[in-house]
Amino acid sequence: MKQLADRVVALGALDEGAHEAAIRALEMAGERAGAARLRQQLADLRNPVVRRASDEPQLIFVVDGGTISPLATLDHGELMSYSTGSGDQEAMADAARRFSERYFATRRAYHLYSRGAAEGLALVNRKEEPGCYSMMASFARVPKGASTLEGGIATNFDLKSGKPKPAPALTGEQRRQMVDLVRSVLQSEAVGEGPMNALLNAHDANGPAGLIIDVGPSGDSPFPVLIATASFESQSGQDEPELSYHGYELRMIAEADKSGRYRLTHKEFNHTEAVQEFSPRRFLTYMDIDQDGHDDLVFSGSGYEWWWYEALGRSADGWKLLVQGESSGC
């Protein structure tokens, strides 16, 4: 009976009903110890608490849809990229296993944040493995019924944050200014008319090509930071496709003056003829992850059979790479 109860709970690790059914079955079978153990699990499930052991670092995870992945640790205001360690494959696999057993333990709770605000808790479901190697876990939001966050941050410690508020909509004038800035950058990079039109097209949720403009933090300004990402791949010819590949990727950040006129404060552009070097970014959220009083911008990046997460922070003259997490994939 105990094995059957454990299997029921394993299949519904975050399901209160599954726990209740397993407890009743164990009580009917006279297995009081097993029932008591599951009652405690059910109590933890109903009232999750974020706990960080004294030997644990302050960990920062990136939320991407329904999964969390480690990005960095924060030590006295200094961000350090998360890594499973170094050495041969066996040593790294052992380090990854130990990390997963501790930090991706089923029902472990983390603070959840997005767009500068607290968003409840994330409750780990289980370790996931969508690629050959990946450090990620699926999770459920607490309170139950909350919508899925497209992007966010999870931590095992408290971050300074504000109250949740609706994301401001991109205005027509902001879009017009950002498109003009993107077009100007593409022209300066001598991008041809065909790729430029593809990069400027409205984003299609079913495809990777096109321009995406996101609204970022506003800070003390009445106008938000705008983030533009765009990517496009083309390939012509069937005989020697490796000689006809072109990949274009762009990441831009613009900020407004007091009148609402936007200027470019960060630009990254890449045109490659090697598919292995194509690595577009996607904006996920903003949050002050290093706790310096300024919101940082969090992105995902993807390449040829691999992906990663990174954050940009303020610099003296714009934005800089703060931290980049370990890559996943094959």
C-alpha atoms as a PDB file:
ATOM      1  CA  MET A   1       0.000   0.000   0.000  1.00  0.00           C
ATOM      2  CA  LYS A   2       2.848   2.378   0.832  1.00  0.00           C
ATOM      3  CA  GLN A   3       4.359   1.924  -2.639  1.00  0.00           C
ATOM      4  CA  LEU A   4       0.993   2.636  -4.257  1.00  0.00           C
ATOM      5  CA  ALA A   5       0.473   5.758  -2.127  1.00  0.00           C
ATOM      6  CA  ASP A   6       3.955   7.008  -2.968  1.00  0.00           C
ATOM      7  CA  ARG A   7       3.257   6.488  -6.660  1.00  0.00           C
ATOM      8  CA  VAL A   8      -0.024   8.426  -6.442  1.00  0.00           C
ATOM      9  CA  VAL A   9       1.725  11.345  -4.726  1.00  0.00           C
ATOM     10  CA  ALA A  10       4.645  11.233  -7.164  1.00  0.00           C
ATOM     11  CA  LEU A  11       2.273  11.559 -10.104  1.00  0.00           C
ATOM     12  CA  GLY A  12       0.527  14.487  -8.411  1.00  0.00           C
ATOM     13  CA  ALA A  13       3.372  16.009  -6.419  1.00  0.00           C
ATOM     14  CA  LEU A  14       1.599  19.373  -6.104  1.00  0.00           C
ATOM     15  CA  ASP A  15      -1.943  17.967  -6.094  1.00  0.00           C
ATOM     16  CA  GLU A  16      -3.681  18.280  -2.713  1.00  0.00           C
ATOM     17  CA  GLY A  17      -6.365  15.798  -3.780  1.00  0.00           C
ATOM     18  CA  ALA A  18      -3.759  13.148  -4.582  1.00  0.00           C
ATOM     19  CA  HIS A  19      -2.220  13.591  -1.133  1.00  0.00           C
ATOM     20  CA  GLU A  20      -5.623  13.322   0.568  1.00  0.00           C
ATOM     21  CA  ALA A  21      -6.478  10.139  -1.342  1.00  0.00           C
ATOM     22  CA  ALA A  22      -3.116   8.573  -0.483  1.00  0.00           C
ATOM     23  CA  ILE A  23      -3.526   9.495   3.207  1.00  0.00           C
ATOM     24  CA  ARG A  24      -6.966   7.844   3.355  1.00  0.00           C
ATOM     25  CA  ALA A  25      -5.599   4.711   1.707  1.00  0.00           C
ATOM     26  CA  LEU A  26      -2.700   4.481   4.169  1.00  0.00           C
ATOM     27  CA  GLU A  27      -4.990   5.030   7.157  1.00  0.00           C
ATOM     28  CA  MET A  28      -7.332   2.274   5.964  1.00  0.00           C
ATOM     29  CA  ALA A  29      -4.329  -0.043   5.662  1.00  0.00           C
ATOM     30  CA  GLY A  30      -3.163   0.839   9.165  1.00  0.00           C
ATOM     31  CA  GLU A  31       0.074   2.466   7.964  1.00  0.00           C
ATOM     32  CA  ARG A  32       0.021   5.381  10.386  1.00  0.00           C
ATOM     33  CA  ALA A  33       3.632   6.435   9.920  1.00  0.00           C
ATOM     34  CA  GLY A  34       3.206   6.777   6.172  1.00  0.00           C
ATOM     35  CA  ALA A  35      -0.045   8.693   6.605  1.00  0.00           C
ATOM     36  CA  ALA A  36       1.620  11.081   9.088  1.00  0.00           C
ATOM     37  CA  ARG A  37       4.476  11.696   6.641  1.00  0.00           C
ATOM     38  CA  LEU A  38       2.033  12.591   3.867  1.00  0.00           C
ATOM     39  CA  ARG A  39       0.027  14.840   6.195  1.00  0.00           C
ATOM     40  CA  GLN A  40       3.167  16.872   6.768  1.00  0.00           C
ATOM     41  CA  GLN A  41       3.800  17.051   3.024  1.00  0.00           C
ATOM     42  CA  LEU A  42       0.218  18.208   2.527  1.00  0.00           C
ATOM     43  CA  ALA A  43       0.620  20.872   5.229  1.00  0.00           C
ATOM     44  CA  ASP A  44       3.793  22.136   3.502  1.00  0.00           C
ATOM     45  CA  LEU A  45       1.957  22.125   0.178  1.00  0.00           C
ATOM     46  CA  ARG A  46      -0.913  24.198   1.573  1.00  0.00           C
ATOM     47  CA  ASN A  47       1.303  26.645   3.443  1.00  0.00           C
ATOM     48  CA  PRO A  48       4.652  26.844   1.610  1.00  0.00           C
ATOM     49  CA  VAL A  49       7.501  28.794   3.184  1.00  0.00           C
ATOM     50  CA  VAL A  50      10.723  29.941   1.518  1.00  0.00           C
ATOM     51  CA  ARG A  51      13.685  28.642   3.510  1.00  0.00           C
ATOM     52  CA  ARG A  52      17.390  29.159   2.874  1.00  0.00           C
ATOM     53  CA  ALA A  53      19.810  27.023   4.845  1.00  0.00           C
ATOM     54  CA  SER A  54      22.816  28.706   6.449  1.00  0.00           C
ATOM     55  CA  ASP A  55      25.190  27.020   3.988  1.00  0.00           C
ATOM     56  CA  GLU A  56      23.203  28.040   0.900  1.00  0.00           C
ATOM     57  CA  PRO A  57      24.150  31.040  -1.272  1.00  0.00           C
ATOM     58  CA  GLN A  58      21.614  33.658  -2.290  1.00  0.00           C
ATOM     59  CA  LEU A  59      20.405  32.079  -5.525  1.00  0.00           C
ATOM     60  CA  ILE A  60      18.695  33.824  -8.434  1.00  0.00           C
ATOM     61  CA  PHE A  61      16.703  31.806 -10.969  1.00  0.00           C
ATOM     62  CA  VAL A  62      15.164  32.958 -14.237  1.00  0.00           C
ATOM     63  CA  VAL A  63      11.491  32.182 -14.778  1.00  0.00           C
ATOM     64  CA  ASP A  64      10.700  31.326 -18.388  1.00  0.00           C
ATOM     65  CA  GLY A  65       7.088  30.289 -18.773  1.00  0.00           C
ATOM     66  CA  GLY A  66       6.547  27.360 -16.428  1.00  0.00           C
ATOM     67  CA  THR A  67      10.200  26.626 -15.623  1.00  0.00           C
ATOM     68  CA  ILE A  68      12.991  28.054 -13.464  1.00  0.00           C
ATOM     69  CA  SER A  69      16.712  27.902 -14.300  1.00  0.00           C
ATOM     70  CA  PRO A  70      19.658  29.108 -12.184  1.00  0.00           C
ATOM     71  CA  LEU A  71      21.211  32.378 -13.320  1.00  0.00           C
ATOM     72  CA  ALA A  72      23.500  33.670 -10.588  1.00  0.00           C
ATOM     73  CA  THR A  73      24.356  34.012  -6.930  1.00  0.00           C
ATOM     74  CA  LEU A  74      24.372  37.344  -5.081  1.00  0.00           C
ATOM     75  CA  ASP A  75      27.081  37.885  -2.478  1.00  0.00           C
ATOM     76  CA  HIS A  76      27.291  41.317  -0.788  1.00  0.00           C
ATOM     77  CA  GLY A  77      25.887  43.030  -3.847  1.00  0.00           C
ATOM     78  CA  GLU A  78      28.106  41.153  -6.317  1.00  0.00           C
ATOM     79  CA  LEU A  79      26.548  38.887  -8.922  1.00  0.00           C
ATOM     80  CA  MET A  80      28.376  35.715  -9.918  1.00  0.00           C
ATOM     81  CA  SER A  81      27.271  33.437 -12.748  1.00  0.00           C
ATOM     82  CA  TYR A  82      25.870  30.125 -11.642  1.00  0.00           C
ATOM     83  CA  SER A  83      27.860  27.088 -12.748  1.00  0.00           C
ATOM     84  CA  THR A  84      27.593  23.415 -11.912  1.00  0.00           C
ATOM     85  CA  GLY A  85      31.370  23.436 -11.506  1.00  0.00           C
ATOM     86  CA  SER A  86      34.372  22.342 -13.507  1.00  0.00           C
ATOM     87  CA  GLY A  87      36.178  19.125 -14.267  1.00  0.00           C
ATOM     88  CA  ASP A  88      35.336  16.144 -16.394  1.00  0.00           C
ATOM     89  CA  GLN A  89      31.814  15.179 -17.426  1.00  0.00           C
ATOM     90  CA  GLU A  90      31.405  12.786 -14.527  1.00  0.00           C
ATOM     91  CA  ALA A  91      32.313  15.466 -11.963  1.00  0.00           C
ATOM     92  CA  MET A  92      29.970  17.998 -13.557  1.00  0.00           C
ATOM     93  CA  ALA A  93      27.149  15.465 -13.741  1.00  0.00           C
ATOM     94  CA  ASP A  94      27.612  14.699 -10.047  1.00  0.00           C
ATOM     95  CA  ALA A  95      27.550  18.426  -9.189  1.00  0.00           C
ATOM     96  CA  ALA A  96      24.384  18.892 -11.271  1.00  0.00           C
ATOM     97  CA  ARG A  97      22.732  15.946  -9.530  1.00  0.00           C
ATOM     98  CA  ARG A  98      23.517  17.341  -6.086  1.00  0.00           C
ATOM     99  CA  PHE A  99      22.232  20.783  -7.101  1.00  0.00           C
ATOM    100  CA  SER A 100      19.001  19.314  -8.440  1.00  0.00           C
ATOM    101  CA  GLU A 101      18.410  17.174  -5.355  1.00  0.00           C
ATOM    102  CA  ARG A 102      18.705  20.238  -3.147  1.00  0.00           C
ATOM    103  CA  TYR A 103      17.303  23.145  -5.107  1.00  0.00           C
ATOM    104  CA  PHE A 104      14.838  21.331  -7.360  1.00  0.00           C
ATOM    105  CA  ALA A 105      13.403  19.207  -4.566  1.00  0.00           C
ATOM    106  CA  THR A 106       9.665  18.713  -5.069  1.00  0.00           C
ATOM    107  CA  ARG A 107       7.584  21.255  -3.111  1.00  0.00           C
ATOM    108  CA  ARG A 108      10.564  23.533  -2.415  1.00  0.00           C
ATOM    109  CA  ALA A 109       9.343  27.150  -2.394  1.00  0.00           C
ATOM    110  CA  TYR A 110      10.963  30.266  -3.861  1.00  0.00           C
ATOM    111  CA  HIS A 111      10.013  33.926  -3.924  1.00  0.00           C
ATOM    112  CA  LEU A 112       8.627  34.938  -7.306  1.00  0.00           C
ATOM    113  CA  TYR A 113       9.049  38.352  -8.962  1.00  0.00           C
ATOM    114  CA  SER A 114       8.328  40.007 -12.295  1.00  0.00           C
ATOM    115  CA  ARG A 115       8.492  43.546 -13.672  1.00  0.00           C
ATOM    116  CA  GLY A 116       9.854  44.959 -10.423  1.00  0.00           C
ATOM    117  CA  ALA A 117       7.154  43.453  -8.192  1.00  0.00           C
ATOM    118  CA  ALA A 118       6.568  40.453  -5.952  1.00  0.00           C
ATOM    119  CA  GLU A 119       4.325  37.817  -7.537  1.00  0.00           C
ATOM    120  CA  GLY A 120       3.824  35.285  -4.753  1.00  0.00           C
ATOM    121  CA  LEU A 121       5.768  32.036  -4.612  1.00  0.00           C
ATOM    122  CA  ALA A 122       7.039  29.370  -6.989  1.00  0.00           C
ATOM    123  CA  LEU A 123       6.617  25.781  -5.807  1.00  0.00           C
ATOM    124  CA  VAL A 124       8.935  23.278  -7.506  1.00  0.00           C
ATOM    125  CA  ASN A 125       7.279  20.347  -9.230  1.00  0.00           C
ATOM    126  CA  ARG A 126      10.234  18.386 -10.573  1.00  0.00           C
ATOM    127  CA  LYS A 127      13.502  18.543 -12.486  1.00  0.00           C
ATOM    128  CA  GLU A 128      12.978  18.730 -16.244  1.00  0.00           C
ATOM    129  CA  GLU A 129      15.319  17.631 -19.025  1.00  0.00           C
ATOM    130  CA  PRO A 130      14.194  18.986 -22.421  1.00  0.00           C
ATOM    131  CA  GLY A 131      17.697  18.764 -23.912  1.00  0.00           C
ATOM    132  CA  CYS A 132      20.832  16.685 -23.595  1.00  0.00           C
ATOM    133  CA  TYR A 133      21.805  18.781 -20.561  1.00  0.00           C
ATOM    134  CA  SER A 134      19.669  21.384 -18.845  1.00  0.00           C
ATOM    135  CA  MET A 135      19.345  22.750 -15.343  1.00  0.00           C
ATOM    136  CA  MET A 136      15.660  23.573 -15.064  1.00  0.00           C
ATOM    137  CA  ALA A 137      12.618  22.601 -13.079  1.00  0.00           C
ATOM    138  CA  SER A 138       8.902  22.983 -13.631  1.00  0.00           C
ATOM    139  CA  PHE A 139       6.913  24.794 -10.948  1.00  0.00           C
ATOM    140  CA  ALA A 140       3.453  25.950  -9.919  1.00  0.00           C
ATOM    141  CA  ARG A 141       2.513  29.430  -8.786  1.00  0.00           C
ATOM    142  CA  VAL A 142       1.229  30.180  -5.297  1.00  0.00           C
ATOM    143  CA  PRO A 143      -1.484  31.296  -4.822  1.00  0.00           C
ATOM    144  CA  LYS A 144      -3.101  28.694  -7.035  1.00  0.00           C
ATOM    145  CA  GLY A 145      -4.858  29.882 -10.147  1.00  0.00           C
ATOM    146  CA  ALA A 146      -2.413  32.681 -10.909  1.00  0.00           C
ATOM    147  CA  SER A 147      -1.616  33.041 -14.589  1.00  0.00           C
ATOM    148  CA  THR A 148       1.662  31.815 -16.054  1.00  0.00           C
ATOM    149  CA  LEU A 149       4.467  34.368 -16.029  1.00  0.00           C
ATOM    150  CA  GLU A 150       6.131  34.687 -19.427  1.00  0.00           C
ATOM    151  CA  GLY A 151       9.229  35.968 -17.667  1.00  0.00           C
ATOM    152  CA  GLY A 152      10.316  36.510 -14.086  1.00  0.00           C
ATOM    153  CA  ILE A 153      12.814  35.912 -11.307  1.00  0.00           C
ATOM    154  CA  ALA A 154      12.753  33.373  -8.479  1.00  0.00           C
ATOM    155  CA  THR A 155      14.982  33.527  -5.393  1.00  0.00           C
ATOM    156  CA  ASN A 156      15.647  31.799  -2.091  1.00  0.00           C
ATOM    157  CA  PHE A 157      15.933  35.224  -0.393  1.00  0.00           C
ATOM    158  CA  ASP A 158      13.920  38.442  -0.315  1.00  0.00           C
ATOM    159  CA  LEU A 159      14.447  41.008  -3.067  1.00  0.00           C
ATOM    160  CA  LYS A 160      13.408  44.620  -2.639  1.00  0.00           C
ATOM    161  CA  SER A 161      10.323  45.012  -4.787  1.00  0.00           C
ATOM    162  CA  GLY A 162       7.204  47.030  -5.374  1.00  0.00           C
ATOM    163  CA  LYS A 163       3.559  46.084  -5.703  1.00  0.00           C
ATOM    164  CA  PRO A 164       2.303  44.337  -8.861  1.00  0.00           C
ATOM    165  CA  LYS A 165       0.795  46.674 -11.420  1.00  0.00           C
ATOM    166  CA  PRO A 166      -0.397  46.277 -15.004  1.00  0.00           C
ATOM    167  CA  ALA A 167       2.344  46.565 -17.601  1.00  0.00           C
ATOM    168  CA  PRO A 168       1.985  49.831 -19.531  1.00  0.00           C
ATOM    169  CA  ALA A 169       0.971  49.417 -23.140  1.00  0.00           C
ATOM    170  CA  LEU A 170       3.303  50.478 -25.912  1.00  0.00           C
ATOM    171  CA  THR A 171       1.916  53.643 -27.474  1.00  0.00           C
ATOM    172  CA  GLY A 172       1.761  54.245 -31.197  1.00  0.00           C
ATOM    173  CA  GLU A 173       4.248  57.090 -30.898  1.00  0.00           C
ATOM    174  CA  GLN A 174       6.700  54.958 -28.927  1.00  0.00           C
ATOM    175  CA  ARG A 175       6.468  52.207 -31.535  1.00  0.00           C
ATOM    176  CA  ARG A 176       7.018  54.696 -34.350  1.00  0.00           C
ATOM    177  CA  GLN A 177      10.127  56.136 -32.693  1.00  0.00           C
ATOM    178  CA  MET A 178      11.544  52.689 -31.922  1.00  0.00           C
ATOM    179  CA  VAL A 179      10.980  51.421 -35.454  1.00  0.00           C
ATOM    180  CA  ASP A 180      12.744  54.515 -36.794  1.00  0.00           C
ATOM    181  CA  LEU A 181      15.710  53.850 -34.495  1.00  0.00           C
ATOM    182  CA  VAL A 182      15.855  50.198 -35.535  1.00  0.00           C
ATOM    183  CA  ARG A 183      15.696  51.109 -39.214  1.00  0.00           C
ATOM    184  CA  SER A 184      18.500  53.639 -38.739  1.00  0.00           C
ATOM    185  CA  VAL A 185      20.714  51.018 -37.087  1.00  0.00           C
ATOM    186  CA  LEU A 186      20.036  48.447 -39.810  1.00  0.00           C
ATOM    187  CA  GLN A 187      20.851  51.003 -42.499  1.00  0.00           C
ATOM    188  CA  SER A 188      24.113  51.869 -40.750  1.00  0.00           C
ATOM    189  CA  GLU A 189      24.967  48.148 -40.748  1.00  0.00           C
ATOM    190  CA  ALA A 190      24.316  47.956 -44.520  1.00  0.00           C
ATOM    191  CA  VAL A 191      21.486  45.441 -44.153  1.00  0.00           C
ATOM    192  CA  GLY A 192      19.792  44.797 -47.501  1.00  0.00           C
ATOM    193  CA  GLU A 193      16.176  45.661 -48.244  1.00  0.00           C
ATOM    194  CA  GLY A 194      14.921  42.057 -48.028  1.00  0.00           C
ATOM    195  CA  PRO A 195      16.388  41.198 -44.603  1.00  0.00           C
ATOM    196  CA  MET A 196      15.516  44.671 -43.333  1.00  0.00           C
ATOM    197  CA  ASN A 197      11.863  44.238 -44.238  1.00  0.00           C
ATOM    198  CA  ALA A 198      11.836  40.826 -42.564  1.00  0.00           C
ATOM    199  CA  LEU A 199      13.431  42.217 -39.417  1.00  0.00           C
ATOM    200  CA  LEU A 200      10.943  45.101 -39.265  1.00  0.00           C
ATOM    201  CA  ASN A 201       7.857  42.950 -39.765  1.00  0.00           C
ATOM    202  CA  ALA A 202       5.420  42.622 -36.894  1.00  0.00           C
ATOM    203  CA  HIS A 203       6.294  39.659 -34.702  1.00  0.00           C
ATOM    204  CA  ASP A 204       4.575  36.396 -35.584  1.00  0.00           C
ATOM    205  CA  ALA A 205       4.071  34.239 -32.488  1.00  0.00           C
ATOM    206  CA  ASN A 206       4.453  31.144 -34.660  1.00  0.00           C
ATOM    207  CA  GLY A 207       7.816  32.127 -36.104  1.00  0.00           C
ATOM    208  CA  PRO A 208      11.179  33.495 -34.998  1.00  0.00           C
ATOM    209  CA  ALA A 209      11.440  36.360 -37.448  1.00  0.00           C
ATOM    210  CA  GLY A 210      10.373  39.930 -36.901  1.00  0.00           C
ATOM    211  CA  LEU A 211      10.725  42.877 -34.575  1.00  0.00           C
ATOM    212  CA  ILE A 212       9.510  42.717 -30.962  1.00  0.00           C
ATOM    213  CA  ILE A 213       9.304  45.913 -28.910  1.00  0.00           C
ATOM    214  CA  ASP A 214       8.893  45.479 -25.152  1.00  0.00           C
ATOM    215  CA  VAL A 215       8.120  48.044 -22.482  1.00  0.00           C
ATOM    216  CA  GLY A 216      10.680  48.042 -19.679  1.00  0.00           C
ATOM    217  CA  PRO A 217      11.032  49.902 -16.383  1.00  0.00           C
ATOM    218  CA  SER A 218      10.403  53.636 -16.103  1.00  0.00           C
ATOM    219  CA  GLY A 219      12.242  54.396 -12.866  1.00  0.00           C
ATOM    220  CA  ASP A 220      11.811  58.098 -12.069  1.00  0.00           C
ATOM    221  CA  SER A 221      10.923  58.961 -15.670  1.00  0.00           C
ATOM    222  CA  PRO A 222       7.349  59.314 -16.948  1.00  0.00           C
ATOM    223  CA  PHE A 223       8.470  57.333 -20.000  1.00  0.00           C
ATOM    224  CA  PRO A 224       9.508  53.665 -19.880  1.00  0.00           C
ATOM    225  CA  VAL A 225      12.667  52.120 -21.237  1.00  0.00           C
ATOM    226  CA  LEU A 226      11.974  50.429 -24.585  1.00  0.00           C
ATOM    227  CA  ILE A 227      13.657  47.174 -25.604  1.00  0.00           C
ATOM    228  CA  ALA A 228      13.754  45.978 -29.204  1.00  0.00           C
ATOM    229  CA  THR A 229      14.814  42.499 -30.279  1.00  0.00           C
ATOM    230  CA  ALA A 230      14.727  41.163 -33.811  1.00  0.00           C
ATOM    231  CA  SER A 231      16.013  38.113 -35.630  1.00  0.00           C
ATOM    232  CA  PHE A 232      15.805  36.685 -39.110  1.00  0.00           C
ATOM    233  CA  GLU A 233      17.354  33.715 -40.909  1.00  0.00           C
ATOM    234  CA  SER A 234      17.482  33.129 -44.632  1.00  0.00           C
ATOM    235  CA  GLN A 235      18.858  30.313 -46.738  1.00  0.00           C
ATOM    236  CA  SER A 236      18.822  29.916 -50.495  1.00  0.00           C
ATOM    237  CA  GLY A 237      20.048  27.059 -52.621  1.00  0.00           C
ATOM    238  CA  GLN A 238      19.830  23.355 -51.886  1.00  0.00           C
ATOM    239  CA  ASP A 239      23.162  22.057 -53.148  1.00  0.00           C
ATOM    240  CA  GLU A 240      25.422  23.912 -50.717  1.00  0.00           C
ATOM    241  CA  PRO A 241      23.160  25.389 -47.996  1.00  0.00           C
ATOM    242  CA  GLU A 242      26.104  26.140 -45.719  1.00  0.00           C
ATOM    243  CA  LEU A 243      27.294  28.696 -48.305  1.00  0.00           C
ATOM    244  CA  SER A 244      23.958  30.483 -48.555  1.00  0.00           C
ATOM    245  CA  TYR A 245      22.950  30.922 -44.914  1.00  0.00           C
ATOM    246  CA  HIS A 246      22.463  34.392 -43.414  1.00  0.00           C
ATOM    247  CA  GLY A 247      21.402  35.113 -39.855  1.00  0.00           C
ATOM    248  CA  TYR A 248      20.601  38.587 -38.523  1.00  0.00           C
ATOM    249  CA  GLU A 249      20.051  39.454 -34.887  1.00  0.00           C
ATOM    250  CA  LEU A 250      19.548  42.747 -33.096  1.00  0.00           C
ATOM    251  CA  ARG A 251      19.107  43.918 -29.501  1.00  0.00           C
ATOM    252  CA  MET A 252      18.520  47.608 -28.755  1.00  0.00           C
ATOM    253  CA  ILE A 253      17.556  49.702 -25.735  1.00  0.00           C
ATOM    254  CA  ALA A 254      16.214  53.240 -25.985  1.00  0.00           C
ATOM    255  CA  GLU A 255      15.368  55.820 -23.323  1.00  0.00           C
ATOM    256  CA  ALA A 256      13.404  59.059 -23.501  1.00  0.00           C
ATOM    257  CA  ASP A 257      14.248  62.599 -22.514  1.00  0.00           C
ATOM    258  CA  LYS A 258      11.812  64.847 -20.633  1.00  0.00           C
ATOM    259  CA  SER A 259       9.857  65.551 -23.821  1.00  0.00           C
ATOM    260  CA  GLY A 260       9.372  61.840 -24.618  1.00  0.00           C
ATOM    261  CA  ARG A 261      11.882  61.718 -27.472  1.00  0.00           C
ATOM    262  CA  TYR A 262      13.762  58.418 -27.459  1.00  0.00           C
ATOM    263  CA  ARG A 263      17.472  57.964 -28.060  1.00  0.00           C
ATOM    264  CA  LEU A 264      19.548  54.820 -28.406  1.00  0.00           C
ATOM    265  CA  THR A 265      21.444  53.826 -25.240  1.00  0.00           C
ATOM    266  CA  HIS A 266      22.453  50.268 -26.162  1.00  0.00           C
ATOM    267  CA  LYS A 267      22.938  48.400 -29.436  1.00  0.00           C
ATOM    268  CA  GLU A 268      24.066  44.904 -30.407  1.00  0.00           C
ATOM    269  CA  PHE A 269      23.897  43.724 -34.010  1.00  0.00           C
ATOM    270  CA  ASN A 270      25.225  40.598 -35.633  1.00  0.00           C
ATOM    271  CA  HIS A 271      25.109  39.279 -39.184  1.00  0.00           C
ATOM    272  CA  THR A 272      26.517  35.799 -39.545  1.00  0.00           C
ATOM    273  CA  GLU A 273      26.853  33.306 -42.371  1.00  0.00           C
ATOM    274  CA  ALA A 274      27.318  30.392 -39.946  1.00  0.00           C
ATOM    275  CA  VAL A 275      24.205  28.924 -38.363  1.00  0.00           C
ATOM    276  CA  GLN A 276      26.213  27.915 -35.285  1.00  0.00           C
ATOM    277  CA  GLU A 277      26.890  31.618 -34.595  1.00  0.00           C
ATOM    278  CA  PHE A 278      23.250  32.720 -34.771  1.00  0.00           C
ATOM    279  CA  SER A 279      22.147  33.515 -31.196  1.00  0.00           C
ATOM    280  CA  PRO A 280      19.163  35.876 -30.895  1.00  0.00           C
ATOM    281  CA  ARG A 281      17.913  37.227 -27.564  1.00  0.00           C
ATOM    282  CA  ARG A 282      14.403  37.528 -26.157  1.00  0.00           C
ATOM    283  CA  PHE A 283      13.375  39.957 -23.408  1.00  0.00           C
ATOM    284  CA  LEU A 284      11.767  38.302 -20.372  1.00  0.00           C
ATOM    285  CA  THR A 285      11.403  40.765 -17.502  1.00  0.00           C
ATOM    286  CA  TYR A 286      13.065  43.440 -15.429  1.00  0.00           C
ATOM    287  CA  MET A 287      14.057  43.338 -11.758  1.00  0.00           C
ATOM    288  CA  ASP A 288      16.737  44.823  -9.536  1.00  0.00           C
ATOM    289  CA  ILE A 289      18.574  41.527  -9.121  1.00  0.00           C
ATOM    290  CA  ASP A 290      21.818  42.997  -7.752  1.00  0.00           C
ATOM    291  CA  GLN A 291      19.894  45.291  -5.367  1.00  0.00           C
ATOM    292  CA  ASP A 292      21.738  48.473  -6.394  1.00  0.00           C
ATOM    293  CA  GLY A 293      18.527  50.476  -6.734  1.00  0.00           C
ATOM    294  CA  HIS A 294      18.267  50.162 -10.540  1.00  0.00           C
ATOM    295  CA  ASP A 295      16.184  47.643 -12.462  1.00  0.00           C
ATOM    296  CA  ASP A 296      18.110  45.158 -14.585  1.00  0.00           C
ATOM    297  CA  LEU A 297      16.891  43.638 -17.859  1.00  0.00           C
ATOM    298  CA  VAL A 298      16.657  39.847 -18.110  1.00  0.00           C
ATOM    299  CA  PHE A 299      16.869  37.999 -21.433  1.00  0.00           C
ATOM    300  CA  SER A 300      16.966  34.501 -22.800  1.00  0.00           C
ATOM    301  CA  GLY A 301      19.390  33.654 -25.572  1.00  0.00           C
ATOM    302  CA  SER A 302      19.291  30.740 -27.976  1.00  0.00           C
ATOM    303  CA  GLY A 303      21.725  29.248 -30.422  1.00  0.00           C
ATOM    304  CA  TYR A 304      22.221  26.099 -32.441  1.00  0.00           C
ATOM    305  CA  GLU A 305      20.765  23.423 -30.104  1.00  0.00           C
ATOM    306  CA  TRP A 306      21.515  25.423 -26.949  1.00  0.00           C
ATOM    307  CA  TRP A 307      20.112  28.261 -24.835  1.00  0.00           C
ATOM    308  CA  TRP A 308      21.001  30.407 -21.825  1.00  0.00           C
ATOM    309  CA  TYR A 309      19.870  33.364 -19.696  1.00  0.00           C
ATOM    310  CA  GLU A 310      21.542  36.698 -18.991  1.00  0.00           C
ATOM    311  CA  ALA A 311      20.947  40.115 -17.466  1.00  0.00           C
ATOM    312  CA  LEU A 312      21.967  43.613 -18.515  1.00  0.00           C
ATOM    313  CA  GLY A 313      22.465  46.376 -15.957  1.00  0.00           C
ATOM    314  CA  ARG A 314      23.168  50.091 -15.975  1.00  0.00           C
ATOM    315  CA  SER A 315      26.613  51.375 -16.896  1.00  0.00           C
ATOM    316  CA  ALA A 316      28.063  54.886 -16.950  1.00  0.00           C
ATOM    317  CA  ASP A 317      27.011  55.434 -20.556  1.00  0.00           C
ATOM    318  CA  GLY A 318      24.214  52.917 -21.114  1.00  0.00           C
ATOM    319  CA  TRP A 319      23.907  49.212 -20.399  1.00  0.00           C
ATOM    320  CA  LYS A 320      26.346  46.358 -19.832  1.00  0.00           C
ATOM    321  CA  LEU A 321      26.249  42.593 -19.391  1.00  0.00           C
ATOM    322  CA  LEU A 322      25.891  41.908 -15.660  1.00  0.00           C
ATOM    323  CA  VAL A 323      25.775  38.147 -15.594  1.00  0.00           C
ATOM    324  CA  GLN A 324      25.269  35.191 -17.913  1.00  0.00           C
ATOM    325  CA  GLY A 325      24.096  31.819 -16.684  1.00  0.00           C
ATOM    326  CA  GLU A 326      25.408  28.447 -17.724  1.00  0.00           C
ATOM    327  CA  SER A 327      24.143  27.267 -21.112  1.00  0.00           C
ATOM    328  CA  SER A 328      21.869  24.275 -21.639  1.00  0.00           C
ATOM    329  CA  GLY A 329      21.231  22.060 -24.634  1.00  0.00           C
ATOM    330  CA  CYS A 330      23.190  19.558 -26.687  1.00  0.00           C
END
